[in-house]
Amino acid sequence: AFKRSGLQCEFQRVPLSRSMILANDGSLDGDVMRIADAAKT
Protein backbone atom coordinates (compact mmCIF):
# COMPACT_ATOMS: atom_id res chain seq x y z
CA ALA A 1 0.00 0.00 0.00
CA PHE A 2 2.89 2.37 0.74
CA LYS A 3 4.54 1.52 -2.58
CA ARG A 4 1.32 2.25 -4.47
CA SER A 5 0.93 5.51 -2.54
CA GLY A 6 4.41 6.72 -3.43
CA LEU A 7 5.45 6.49 0.22
CA GLN A 8 8.28 4.74 2.01
CA CYS A 9 8.29 2.77 5.25
CA GLU A 10 10.49 0.54 7.35
CA PHE A 11 9.30 -1.97 9.93
CA GLN A 12 10.72 -1.94 13.42
CA ARG A 13 10.39 -5.14 15.47
CA VAL A 14 9.43 -4.30 19.04
CA PRO A 15 7.48 -6.12 21.78
CA LEU A 16 3.79 -6.27 20.89
CA SER A 17 2.84 -4.43 24.08
CA ARG A 18 5.18 -1.54 23.17
CA SER A 19 4.48 -1.01 19.48
CA MET A 20 1.20 0.88 19.85
CA ILE A 21 2.54 2.89 22.80
CA LEU A 22 5.47 4.05 20.66
CA ALA A 23 3.16 4.85 17.74
CA ASN A 24 0.90 6.81 20.06
CA ASP A 25 3.68 8.95 21.55
CA GLY A 26 5.30 9.55 18.16
CA SER A 27 8.47 7.54 18.74
CA LEU A 28 7.24 5.38 15.85
CA ASP A 29 5.11 6.64 12.98
CA GLY A 30 2.58 3.83 13.08
CA ASP A 31 1.60 0.31 14.11
CA VAL A 32 1.08 -2.39 11.50
CA MET A 33 -2.16 -3.94 12.82
CA ARG A 34 -4.59 -3.51 15.71
CA ILE A 35 -8.30 -3.94 16.35
CA ALA A 36 -10.47 -0.90 15.65
CA ASP A 37 -11.06 -0.29 19.38
CA ALA A 38 -7.34 0.36 19.92
CA ALA A 39 -7.78 4.01 18.93
CA LYS A 40 -10.14 4.49 21.89
CA THR A 41 -7.23 3.82 24.24
Full PDB file with SEQRES, HELIX, SHEET, SSBOND, CRYST1, ORIGX, SCALE, CONECT and MASTER records, all heavy atoms in Angstrom:
SEQRES   1 A   41  ALA PHE LYS ARG SER GLY LEU GLN CYS GLU PHE GLN ARG          
SEQRES   2 A   41  VAL PRO LEU SER ARG SER MET ILE LEU ALA ASN ASP GLY          
SEQRES   3 A   41  SER LEU ASP GLY ASP VAL MET ARG ILE ALA ASP ALA ALA          
SEQRES   4 A   41  LYS THR                                                      
HELIX    1 AA1 PHE A    2  SER A    5  1                                   4    
HELIX    2 AA2 LEU A   16  ASP A   25  1                                  10    
HELIX    3 AA3 ALA A   36  LYS A   40  5                                   5    
CRYST1    1.000    1.000    1.000  90.00  90.00  90.00 P 1           1          
ORIGX1      1.000000  0.000000  0.000000        0.00000                         
ORIGX2      0.000000  1.000000  0.000000        0.00000                         
ORIGX3      0.000000  0.000000  1.000000        0.00000                         
SCALE1      1.000000  0.000000  0.000000        0.00000                         
SCALE2      0.000000  1.000000  0.000000        0.00000                         
SCALE3      0.000000  0.000000  1.000000        0.00000                         
ATOM      1  N   ALA A   1       0.832  -1.208   0.000  1.00  0.00           N  
ATOM      2  CA  ALA A   1       0.000   0.000   0.000  1.00  0.00           C  
ATOM      3  C   ALA A   1       0.866   1.257   0.000  1.00  0.00           C  
ATOM      4  O   ALA A   1       0.552   2.240  -0.690  1.00  0.00           O  
ATOM      5  CB  ALA A   1      -0.931  -0.001   1.220  1.00  0.00           C  
ATOM      6  N   PHE A   2       1.966   1.236   0.747  1.00  0.00           N  
ATOM      7  CA  PHE A   2       2.892   2.372   0.738  1.00  0.00           C  
ATOM      8  C   PHE A   2       3.509   2.550  -0.646  1.00  0.00           C  
ATOM      9  O   PHE A   2       3.625   3.676  -1.155  1.00  0.00           O  
ATOM     10  CB  PHE A   2       3.980   2.173   1.789  1.00  0.00           C  
ATOM     11  CG  PHE A   2       3.676   2.828   3.107  1.00  0.00           C  
ATOM     12  CD1 PHE A   2       2.626   2.399   3.895  1.00  0.00           C  
ATOM     13  CD2 PHE A   2       4.446   3.889   3.563  1.00  0.00           C  
ATOM     14  CE1 PHE A   2       2.340   2.995   5.105  1.00  0.00           C  
ATOM     15  CE2 PHE A   2       4.170   4.505   4.769  1.00  0.00           C  
ATOM     16  CZ  PHE A   2       3.114   4.067   5.558  1.00  0.00           C  
ATOM     17  N   LYS A   3       3.922   1.454  -1.251  1.00  0.00           N  
ATOM     18  CA  LYS A   3       4.536   1.524  -2.581  1.00  0.00           C  
ATOM     19  C   LYS A   3       3.581   2.155  -3.581  1.00  0.00           C  
ATOM     20  O   LYS A   3       3.968   3.034  -4.370  1.00  0.00           O  
ATOM     21  CB  LYS A   3       4.939   0.116  -3.028  1.00  0.00           C  
ATOM     22  CG  LYS A   3       5.586   0.058  -4.402  1.00  0.00           C  
ATOM     23  CD  LYS A   3       5.945  -1.384  -4.762  1.00  0.00           C  
ATOM     24  CE  LYS A   3       6.516  -1.486  -6.172  1.00  0.00           C  
ATOM     25  NZ  LYS A   3       6.824  -2.900  -6.532  1.00  0.00           N  
ATOM     26  N   ARG A   4       2.318   1.712  -3.545  1.00  0.00           N  
ATOM     27  CA  ARG A   4       1.322   2.254  -4.471  1.00  0.00           C  
ATOM     28  C   ARG A   4       1.002   3.716  -4.185  1.00  0.00           C  
ATOM     29  O   ARG A   4       0.545   4.440  -5.068  1.00  0.00           O  
ATOM     30  CB  ARG A   4       0.038   1.418  -4.392  1.00  0.00           C  
ATOM     31  CG  ARG A   4       0.198   0.006  -4.927  1.00  0.00           C  
ATOM     32  CD  ARG A   4      -1.110  -0.750  -4.882  1.00  0.00           C  
ATOM     33  NE  ARG A   4      -0.950  -2.094  -5.437  1.00  0.00           N  
ATOM     34  CZ  ARG A   4      -1.909  -2.764  -6.066  1.00  0.00           C  
ATOM     35  NH1 ARG A   4      -3.108  -2.212  -6.210  1.00  0.00           N  
ATOM     36  NH2 ARG A   4      -1.683  -3.976  -6.529  1.00  0.00           N  
ATOM     37  N   SER A   5       1.216   4.132  -2.939  1.00  0.00           N  
ATOM     38  CA  SER A   5       0.925   5.511  -2.539  1.00  0.00           C  
ATOM     39  C   SER A   5       2.097   6.442  -2.769  1.00  0.00           C  
ATOM     40  O   SER A   5       2.006   7.644  -2.486  1.00  0.00           O  
ATOM     41  CB  SER A   5       0.551   5.549  -1.046  1.00  0.00           C  
ATOM     42  OG  SER A   5      -0.559   4.725  -0.771  1.00  0.00           O  
ATOM     43  N   GLY A   6       3.226   5.897  -3.242  1.00  0.00           N  
ATOM     44  CA  GLY A   6       4.413   6.715  -3.434  1.00  0.00           C  
ATOM     45  C   GLY A   6       5.090   7.084  -2.136  1.00  0.00           C  
ATOM     46  O   GLY A   6       5.789   8.098  -2.047  1.00  0.00           O  
ATOM     47  N   LEU A   7       4.903   6.249  -1.108  1.00  0.00           N  
ATOM     48  CA  LEU A   7       5.454   6.487   0.220  1.00  0.00           C  
ATOM     49  C   LEU A   7       6.484   5.421   0.549  1.00  0.00           C  
ATOM     50  O   LEU A   7       6.541   4.371  -0.099  1.00  0.00           O  
ATOM     51  CB  LEU A   7       4.342   6.477   1.276  1.00  0.00           C  
ATOM     52  CG  LEU A   7       3.211   7.491   1.060  1.00  0.00           C  
ATOM     53  CD1 LEU A   7       2.054   7.200   2.009  1.00  0.00           C  
ATOM     54  CD2 LEU A   7       3.710   8.908   1.250  1.00  0.00           C  
ATOM     55  N   GLN A   8       7.266   5.690   1.576  1.00  0.00           N  
ATOM     56  CA  GLN A   8       8.283   4.738   2.007  1.00  0.00           C  
ATOM     57  C   GLN A   8       8.112   4.415   3.481  1.00  0.00           C  
ATOM     58  O   GLN A   8       7.723   5.276   4.280  1.00  0.00           O  
ATOM     59  CB  GLN A   8       9.684   5.324   1.794  1.00  0.00           C  
ATOM     60  CG  GLN A   8      10.024   5.646   0.354  1.00  0.00           C  
ATOM     61  CD  GLN A   8      11.425   6.197   0.235  1.00  0.00           C  
ATOM     62  OE1 GLN A   8      12.405   5.498   0.490  1.00  0.00           O  
ATOM     63  NE2 GLN A   8      11.535   7.460  -0.132  1.00  0.00           N  
ATOM     64  N   CYS A   9       8.379   3.166   3.839  1.00  0.00           N  
ATOM     65  CA  CYS A   9       8.288   2.774   5.247  1.00  0.00           C  
ATOM     66  C   CYS A   9       9.321   1.701   5.551  1.00  0.00           C  
ATOM     67  O   CYS A   9       9.799   0.993   4.657  1.00  0.00           O  
ATOM     68  CB  CYS A   9       6.888   2.271   5.603  1.00  0.00           C  
ATOM     69  SG  CYS A   9       6.394   0.747   4.764  1.00  0.00           S  
ATOM     70  N   GLU A  10       9.658   1.606   6.809  1.00  0.00           N  
ATOM     71  CA  GLU A  10      10.485   0.542   7.352  1.00  0.00           C  
ATOM     72  C   GLU A  10       9.771  -0.028   8.557  1.00  0.00           C  
ATOM     73  O   GLU A  10       9.033   0.683   9.247  1.00  0.00           O  
ATOM     74  CB  GLU A  10      11.870   1.061   7.768  1.00  0.00           C  
ATOM     75  CG  GLU A  10      12.719   1.546   6.621  1.00  0.00           C  
ATOM     76  CD  GLU A  10      14.047   2.131   7.099  1.00  0.00           C  
ATOM     77  OE1 GLU A  10      14.185   2.389   8.322  1.00  0.00           O  
ATOM     78  OE2 GLU A  10      14.930   2.333   6.245  1.00  0.00           O  
ATOM     79  N   PHE A  11       9.988  -1.305   8.818  1.00  0.00           N  
ATOM     80  CA  PHE A  11       9.302  -1.967   9.925  1.00  0.00           C  
ATOM     81  C   PHE A  11      10.286  -2.238  11.054  1.00  0.00           C  
ATOM     82  O   PHE A  11      11.352  -2.820  10.850  1.00  0.00           O  
ATOM     83  CB  PHE A  11       8.640  -3.260   9.439  1.00  0.00           C  
ATOM     84  CG  PHE A  11       7.524  -2.993   8.466  1.00  0.00           C  
ATOM     85  CD1 PHE A  11       7.781  -2.932   7.102  1.00  0.00           C  
ATOM     86  CD2 PHE A  11       6.247  -2.761   8.909  1.00  0.00           C  
ATOM     87  CE1 PHE A  11       6.768  -2.649   6.197  1.00  0.00           C  
ATOM     88  CE2 PHE A  11       5.218  -2.479   8.019  1.00  0.00           C  
ATOM     89  CZ  PHE A  11       5.483  -2.426   6.663  1.00  0.00           C  
ATOM     90  N   GLN A  12       9.900  -1.778  12.238  1.00  0.00           N  
ATOM     91  CA  GLN A  12      10.718  -1.943  13.423  1.00  0.00           C  
ATOM     92  C   GLN A  12      10.096  -3.021  14.305  1.00  0.00           C  
ATOM     93  O   GLN A  12       8.920  -2.936  14.665  1.00  0.00           O  
ATOM     94  CB  GLN A  12      10.809  -0.621  14.195  1.00  0.00           C  
ATOM     95  CG  GLN A  12      11.395   0.523  13.392  1.00  0.00           C  
ATOM     96  CD  GLN A  12      12.837   0.251  12.967  1.00  0.00           C  
ATOM     97  OE1 GLN A  12      13.591  -0.407  13.681  1.00  0.00           O  
ATOM     98  NE2 GLN A  12      13.213   0.757  11.800  1.00  0.00           N  
ATOM     99  N   ARG A  13      10.887  -4.042  14.634  1.00  0.00           N  
ATOM    100  CA  ARG A  13      10.389  -5.141  15.471  1.00  0.00           C  
ATOM    101  C   ARG A  13      10.565  -4.779  16.944  1.00  0.00           C  
ATOM    102  O   ARG A  13      11.688  -4.599  17.410  1.00  0.00           O  
ATOM    103  CB  ARG A  13      11.127  -6.436  15.125  1.00  0.00           C  
ATOM    104  CG  ARG A  13      10.775  -6.947  13.727  1.00  0.00           C  
ATOM    105  CD  ARG A  13      11.559  -8.193  13.343  1.00  0.00           C  
ATOM    106  NE  ARG A  13      11.135  -8.681  12.046  1.00  0.00           N  
ATOM    107  CZ  ARG A  13      10.274  -9.679  11.865  1.00  0.00           C  
ATOM    108  NH1 ARG A  13       9.757 -10.313  12.914  1.00  0.00           N  
ATOM    109  NH2 ARG A  13       9.932 -10.064  10.647  1.00  0.00           N  
ATOM    110  N   VAL A  14       9.447  -4.654  17.614  1.00  0.00           N  
ATOM    111  CA  VAL A  14       9.428  -4.297  19.037  1.00  0.00           C  
ATOM    112  C   VAL A  14       8.419  -5.197  19.742  1.00  0.00           C  
ATOM    113  O   VAL A  14       7.566  -5.815  19.090  1.00  0.00           O  
ATOM    114  CB  VAL A  14       9.058  -2.811  19.238  1.00  0.00           C  
ATOM    115  CG1 VAL A  14      10.105  -1.893  18.615  1.00  0.00           C  
ATOM    116  CG2 VAL A  14       7.685  -2.506  18.651  1.00  0.00           C  
ATOM    117  N   PRO A  15       8.490  -5.312  21.078  1.00  0.00           N  
ATOM    118  CA  PRO A  15       7.484  -6.117  21.781  1.00  0.00           C  
ATOM    119  C   PRO A  15       6.067  -5.644  21.441  1.00  0.00           C  
ATOM    120  O   PRO A  15       5.814  -4.438  21.321  1.00  0.00           O  
ATOM    121  CB  PRO A  15       7.823  -5.881  23.255  1.00  0.00           C  
ATOM    122  CG  PRO A  15       9.284  -5.564  23.251  1.00  0.00           C  
ATOM    123  CD  PRO A  15       9.514  -4.784  21.987  1.00  0.00           C  
ATOM    124  N   LEU A  16       5.159  -6.593  21.275  1.00  0.00           N  
ATOM    125  CA  LEU A  16       3.788  -6.271  20.892  1.00  0.00           C  
ATOM    126  C   LEU A  16       3.164  -5.235  21.809  1.00  0.00           C  
ATOM    127  O   LEU A  16       2.470  -4.318  21.367  1.00  0.00           O  
ATOM    128  CB  LEU A  16       2.938  -7.554  20.893  1.00  0.00           C  
ATOM    129  CG  LEU A  16       1.465  -7.394  20.524  1.00  0.00           C  
ATOM    130  CD1 LEU A  16       1.321  -6.889  19.097  1.00  0.00           C  
ATOM    131  CD2 LEU A  16       0.726  -8.719  20.698  1.00  0.00           C  
ATOM    132  N   SER A  17       3.431  -5.352  23.107  1.00  0.00           N  
ATOM    133  CA  SER A  17       2.839  -4.431  24.076  1.00  0.00           C  
ATOM    134  C   SER A  17       3.395  -3.016  23.947  1.00  0.00           C  
ATOM    135  O   SER A  17       2.784  -2.056  24.418  1.00  0.00           O  
ATOM    136  CB  SER A  17       3.078  -4.935  25.501  1.00  0.00           C  
ATOM    137  OG  SER A  17       4.472  -5.046  25.762  1.00  0.00           O  
ATOM    138  N   ARG A  18       4.547  -2.854  23.291  1.00  0.00           N  
ATOM    139  CA  ARG A  18       5.178  -1.537  23.169  1.00  0.00           C  
ATOM    140  C   ARG A  18       4.867  -0.840  21.846  1.00  0.00           C  
ATOM    141  O   ARG A  18       4.911   0.398  21.771  1.00  0.00           O  
ATOM    142  CB  ARG A  18       6.706  -1.701  23.276  1.00  0.00           C  
ATOM    143  CG  ARG A  18       7.211  -2.105  24.630  1.00  0.00           C  
ATOM    144  CD  ARG A  18       7.164  -0.946  25.604  1.00  0.00           C  
ATOM    145  NE  ARG A  18       8.018   0.154  25.169  1.00  0.00           N  
ATOM    146  CZ  ARG A  18       7.883   1.415  25.597  1.00  0.00           C  
ATOM    147  NH1 ARG A  18       6.913   1.719  26.432  1.00  0.00           N  
ATOM    148  NH2 ARG A  18       8.704   2.362  25.171  1.00  0.00           N  
ATOM    149  N   SER A  19       4.581  -1.594  20.813  1.00  0.00           N  
ATOM    150  CA  SER A  19       4.478  -1.012  19.478  1.00  0.00           C  
ATOM    151  C   SER A  19       3.441   0.109  19.406  1.00  0.00           C  
ATOM    152  O   SER A  19       3.711   1.198  18.892  1.00  0.00           O  
ATOM    153  CB  SER A  19       4.151  -2.101  18.462  1.00  0.00           C  
ATOM    154  OG  SER A  19       4.066  -1.565  17.160  1.00  0.00           O  
ATOM    155  N   MET A  20       2.248  -0.132  19.922  1.00  0.00           N  
ATOM    156  CA  MET A  20       1.198   0.878  19.851  1.00  0.00           C  
ATOM    157  C   MET A  20       1.503   2.061  20.774  1.00  0.00           C  
ATOM    158  O   MET A  20       1.172   3.211  20.448  1.00  0.00           O  
ATOM    159  CB  MET A  20      -0.150   0.264  20.193  1.00  0.00           C  
ATOM    160  CG  MET A  20      -1.328   1.117  19.800  1.00  0.00           C  
ATOM    161  SD  MET A  20      -1.385   1.438  18.023  1.00  0.00           S  
ATOM    162  CE  MET A  20      -3.146   1.567  17.761  1.00  0.00           C  
ATOM    163  N   ILE A  21       2.141   1.800  21.898  1.00  0.00           N  
ATOM    164  CA  ILE A  21       2.540   2.891  22.799  1.00  0.00           C  
ATOM    165  C   ILE A  21       3.505   3.825  22.082  1.00  0.00           C  
ATOM    166  O   ILE A  21       3.372   5.055  22.145  1.00  0.00           O  
ATOM    167  CB  ILE A  21       3.184   2.323  24.078  1.00  0.00           C  
ATOM    168  CG1 ILE A  21       2.150   1.536  24.892  1.00  0.00           C  
ATOM    169  CG2 ILE A  21       3.799   3.431  24.924  1.00  0.00           C  
ATOM    170  CD1 ILE A  21       2.739   0.783  26.068  1.00  0.00           C  
ATOM    171  N   LEU A  22       4.477   3.252  21.378  1.00  0.00           N  
ATOM    172  CA  LEU A  22       5.470   4.049  20.661  1.00  0.00           C  
ATOM    173  C   LEU A  22       4.846   4.794  19.486  1.00  0.00           C  
ATOM    174  O   LEU A  22       5.237   5.927  19.175  1.00  0.00           O  
ATOM    175  CB  LEU A  22       6.608   3.156  20.181  1.00  0.00           C  
ATOM    176  CG  LEU A  22       7.443   2.506  21.289  1.00  0.00           C  
ATOM    177  CD1 LEU A  22       8.439   1.507  20.702  1.00  0.00           C  
ATOM    178  CD2 LEU A  22       8.162   3.554  22.121  1.00  0.00           C  
ATOM    179  N   ALA A  23       3.872   4.167  18.822  1.00  0.00           N  
ATOM    180  CA  ALA A  23       3.164   4.854  17.736  1.00  0.00           C  
ATOM    181  C   ALA A  23       2.328   6.002  18.287  1.00  0.00           C  
ATOM    182  O   ALA A  23       2.217   7.066  17.675  1.00  0.00           O  
ATOM    183  CB  ALA A  23       2.285   3.872  16.976  1.00  0.00           C  
ATOM    184  N   ASN A  24       1.749   5.791  19.452  1.00  0.00           N  
ATOM    185  CA  ASN A  24       0.895   6.810  20.058  1.00  0.00           C  
ATOM    186  C   ASN A  24       1.694   8.028  20.516  1.00  0.00           C  
ATOM    187  O   ASN A  24       1.254   9.171  20.360  1.00  0.00           O  
ATOM    188  CB  ASN A  24       0.149   6.200  21.247  1.00  0.00           C  
ATOM    189  CG  ASN A  24      -0.958   7.104  21.765  1.00  0.00           C  
ATOM    190  OD1 ASN A  24      -1.923   7.382  21.063  1.00  0.00           O  
ATOM    191  ND2 ASN A  24      -0.811   7.560  23.004  1.00  0.00           N  
ATOM    192  N   ASP A  25       2.903   7.799  21.064  1.00  0.00           N  
ATOM    193  CA  ASP A  25       3.682   8.947  21.552  1.00  0.00           C  
ATOM    194  C   ASP A  25       4.581   9.552  20.472  1.00  0.00           C  
ATOM    195  O   ASP A  25       5.287  10.529  20.717  1.00  0.00           O  
ATOM    196  CB  ASP A  25       4.497   8.582  22.802  1.00  0.00           C  
ATOM    197  CG  ASP A  25       5.671   7.638  22.543  1.00  0.00           C  
ATOM    198  OD1 ASP A  25       6.093   7.485  21.378  1.00  0.00           O  
ATOM    199  OD2 ASP A  25       6.179   7.041  23.513  1.00  0.00           O  
ATOM    200  N   GLY A  26       4.559   8.983  19.267  1.00  0.00           N  
ATOM    201  CA  GLY A  26       5.300   9.548  18.159  1.00  0.00           C  
ATOM    202  C   GLY A  26       6.712   9.029  17.997  1.00  0.00           C  
ATOM    203  O   GLY A  26       7.418   9.422  17.070  1.00  0.00           O  
ATOM    204  N   SER A  27       7.138   8.126  18.892  1.00  0.00           N  
ATOM    205  CA  SER A  27       8.471   7.540  18.739  1.00  0.00           C  
ATOM    206  C   SER A  27       8.540   6.685  17.477  1.00  0.00           C  
ATOM    207  O   SER A  27       9.586   6.571  16.841  1.00  0.00           O  
ATOM    208  CB  SER A  27       8.818   6.689  19.961  1.00  0.00           C  
ATOM    209  OG  SER A  27       8.801   7.463  21.139  1.00  0.00           O  
ATOM    210  N   LEU A  28       7.422   6.036  17.135  1.00  0.00           N  
ATOM    211  CA  LEU A  28       7.242   5.383  15.845  1.00  0.00           C  
ATOM    212  C   LEU A  28       6.150   6.123  15.099  1.00  0.00           C  
ATOM    213  O   LEU A  28       5.328   6.831  15.706  1.00  0.00           O  
ATOM    214  CB  LEU A  28       6.852   3.914  16.029  1.00  0.00           C  
ATOM    215  CG  LEU A  28       7.932   2.974  16.574  1.00  0.00           C  
ATOM    216  CD1 LEU A  28       7.337   1.594  16.848  1.00  0.00           C  
ATOM    217  CD2 LEU A  28       9.104   2.857  15.609  1.00  0.00           C  
ATOM    218  N   ASP A  29       6.105   5.938  13.792  1.00  0.00           N  
ATOM    219  CA  ASP A  29       5.111   6.639  12.981  1.00  0.00           C  
ATOM    220  C   ASP A  29       3.796   5.889  12.862  1.00  0.00           C  
ATOM    221  O   ASP A  29       2.780   6.480  12.471  1.00  0.00           O  
ATOM    222  CB  ASP A  29       5.675   6.900  11.587  1.00  0.00           C  
ATOM    223  CG  ASP A  29       6.888   7.825  11.633  1.00  0.00           C  
ATOM    224  OD1 ASP A  29       6.745   8.955  12.133  1.00  0.00           O  
ATOM    225  OD2 ASP A  29       7.973   7.394  11.197  1.00  0.00           O  
ATOM    226  N   GLY A  30       3.812   4.595  13.184  1.00  0.00           N  
ATOM    227  CA  GLY A  30       2.582   3.830  13.077  1.00  0.00           C  
ATOM    228  C   GLY A  30       2.740   2.434  13.635  1.00  0.00           C  
ATOM    229  O   GLY A  30       3.829   2.026  14.058  1.00  0.00           O  
ATOM    230  N   ASP A  31       1.638   1.697  13.644  1.00  0.00           N  
ATOM    231  CA  ASP A  31       1.600   0.308  14.106  1.00  0.00           C  
ATOM    232  C   ASP A  31       0.918  -0.520  13.024  1.00  0.00           C  
ATOM    233  O   ASP A  31      -0.129  -0.131  12.500  1.00  0.00           O  
ATOM    234  CB  ASP A  31       0.830   0.201  15.426  1.00  0.00           C  
ATOM    235  CG  ASP A  31       0.761  -1.224  15.937  1.00  0.00           C  
ATOM    236  OD1 ASP A  31      -0.158  -1.969  15.521  1.00  0.00           O  
ATOM    237  OD2 ASP A  31       1.624  -1.608  16.746  1.00  0.00           O  
ATOM    238  N   VAL A  32       1.484  -1.670  12.700  1.00  0.00           N  
ATOM    239  CA  VAL A  32       1.082  -2.389  11.496  1.00  0.00           C  
ATOM    240  C   VAL A  32      -0.328  -2.962  11.566  1.00  0.00           C  
ATOM    241  O   VAL A  32      -1.025  -3.018  10.553  1.00  0.00           O  
ATOM    242  CB  VAL A  32       2.116  -3.493  11.162  1.00  0.00           C  
ATOM    243  CG1 VAL A  32       2.003  -4.671  12.117  1.00  0.00           C  
ATOM    244  CG2 VAL A  32       1.993  -3.942   9.713  1.00  0.00           C  
ATOM    245  N   MET A  33      -0.800  -3.368  12.763  1.00  0.00           N  
ATOM    246  CA  MET A  33      -2.156  -3.938  12.822  1.00  0.00           C  
ATOM    247  C   MET A  33      -2.677  -3.968  14.248  1.00  0.00           C  
ATOM    248  O   MET A  33      -1.982  -4.417  15.167  1.00  0.00           O  
ATOM    249  CB  MET A  33      -2.202  -5.344  12.233  1.00  0.00           C  
ATOM    250  CG  MET A  33      -1.333  -6.348  12.945  1.00  0.00           C  
ATOM    251  SD  MET A  33      -1.697  -8.051  12.486  1.00  0.00           S  
ATOM    252  CE  MET A  33      -1.043  -8.913  13.936  1.00  0.00           C  
ATOM    253  N   ARG A  34      -3.888  -3.478  14.424  1.00  0.00           N  
ATOM    254  CA  ARG A  34      -4.590  -3.511  15.711  1.00  0.00           C  
ATOM    255  C   ARG A  34      -6.089  -3.571  15.437  1.00  0.00           C  
ATOM    256  O   ARG A  34      -6.557  -3.225  14.361  1.00  0.00           O  
ATOM    257  CB  ARG A  34      -4.296  -2.259  16.549  1.00  0.00           C  
ATOM    258  CG  ARG A  34      -2.851  -2.096  16.953  1.00  0.00           C  
ATOM    259  CD  ARG A  34      -2.458  -3.010  18.095  1.00  0.00           C  
ATOM    260  NE  ARG A  34      -1.010  -3.026  18.277  1.00  0.00           N  
ATOM    261  CZ  ARG A  34      -0.396  -3.363  19.407  1.00  0.00           C  
ATOM    262  NH1 ARG A  34      -1.103  -3.721  20.456  1.00  0.00           N  
ATOM    263  NH2 ARG A  34       0.918  -3.371  19.476  1.00  0.00           N  
ATOM    264  N   ILE A  35      -6.843  -3.970  16.464  1.00  0.00           N  
ATOM    265  CA  ILE A  35      -8.295  -3.936  16.347  1.00  0.00           C  
ATOM    266  C   ILE A  35      -8.760  -2.487  16.305  1.00  0.00           C  
ATOM    267  O   ILE A  35      -8.055  -1.571  16.745  1.00  0.00           O  
ATOM    268  CB  ILE A  35      -8.985  -4.705  17.497  1.00  0.00           C  
ATOM    269  CG1 ILE A  35      -8.658  -4.059  18.851  1.00  0.00           C  
ATOM    270  CG2 ILE A  35      -8.580  -6.171  17.483  1.00  0.00           C  
ATOM    271  CD1 ILE A  35      -9.433  -4.680  20.009  1.00  0.00           C  
ATOM    272  N   ALA A  36      -9.963  -2.261  15.801  1.00  0.00           N  
ATOM    273  CA  ALA A  36     -10.474  -0.899  15.652  1.00  0.00           C  
ATOM    274  C   ALA A  36     -10.562  -0.181  16.995  1.00  0.00           C  
ATOM    275  O   ALA A  36     -10.341   1.032  17.078  1.00  0.00           O  
ATOM    276  CB  ALA A  36     -11.845  -0.932  14.975  1.00  0.00           C  
ATOM    277  N   ASP A  37     -10.884  -0.908  18.063  1.00  0.00           N  
ATOM    278  CA  ASP A  37     -11.059  -0.293  19.382  1.00  0.00           C  
ATOM    279  C   ASP A  37      -9.758   0.254  19.953  1.00  0.00           C  
ATOM    280  O   ASP A  37      -9.791   0.988  20.946  1.00  0.00           O  
ATOM    281  CB  ASP A  37     -11.658  -1.308  20.365  1.00  0.00           C  
ATOM    282  CG  ASP A  37     -13.115  -1.621  20.064  1.00  0.00           C  
ATOM    283  OD1 ASP A  37     -13.719  -0.872  19.272  1.00  0.00           O  
ATOM    284  OD2 ASP A  37     -13.637  -2.609  20.603  1.00  0.00           O  
ATOM    285  N   ALA A  38      -8.622  -0.092  19.372  1.00  0.00           N  
ATOM    286  CA  ALA A  38      -7.343   0.365  19.921  1.00  0.00           C  
ATOM    287  C   ALA A  38      -7.257   1.886  19.961  1.00  0.00           C  
ATOM    288  O   ALA A  38      -6.669   2.463  20.886  1.00  0.00           O  
ATOM    289  CB  ALA A  38      -6.187  -0.206  19.113  1.00  0.00           C  
ATOM    290  N   ALA A  39      -7.851   2.553  18.988  1.00  0.00           N  
ATOM    291  CA  ALA A  39      -7.780   4.014  18.926  1.00  0.00           C  
ATOM    292  C   ALA A  39      -8.561   4.681  20.054  1.00  0.00           C  
ATOM    293  O   ALA A  39      -8.374   5.872  20.304  1.00  0.00           O  
ATOM    294  CB  ALA A  39      -8.280   4.504  17.573  1.00  0.00           C  
ATOM    295  N   LYS A  40      -9.435   3.932  20.738  1.00  0.00           N  
ATOM    296  CA  LYS A  40     -10.144   4.492  21.891  1.00  0.00           C  
ATOM    297  C   LYS A  40      -9.200   4.654  23.081  1.00  0.00           C  
ATOM    298  O   LYS A  40      -9.365   5.547  23.904  1.00  0.00           O  
ATOM    299  CB  LYS A  40     -11.320   3.594  22.277  1.00  0.00           C  
ATOM    300  CG  LYS A  40     -12.414   3.509  21.232  1.00  0.00           C  
ATOM    301  CD  LYS A  40     -13.521   2.572  21.680  1.00  0.00           C  
ATOM    302  CE  LYS A  40     -14.609   2.451  20.627  1.00  0.00           C  
ATOM    303  NZ  LYS A  40     -15.678   1.495  21.034  1.00  0.00           N  
ATOM    304  N   THR A  41      -8.207   3.760  23.162  1.00  0.00           N  
ATOM    305  CA  THR A  41      -7.227   3.816  24.241  1.00  0.00           C  
ATOM    306  C   THR A  41      -6.046   4.697  23.869  1.00  0.00           C  
ATOM    307  O   THR A  41      -5.559   5.492  24.670  1.00  0.00           O  
ATOM    308  CB  THR A  41      -6.735   2.401  24.581  1.00  0.00           C  
ATOM    309  OG1 THR A  41      -7.851   1.598  24.965  1.00  0.00           O  
ATOM    310  CG2 THR A  41      -5.715   2.431  25.720  1.00  0.00           C  
TER     311      THR A  41                                                      
MASTER        0    0    0    3    0    0    0    6  310    1    0    4          
END                                                                             
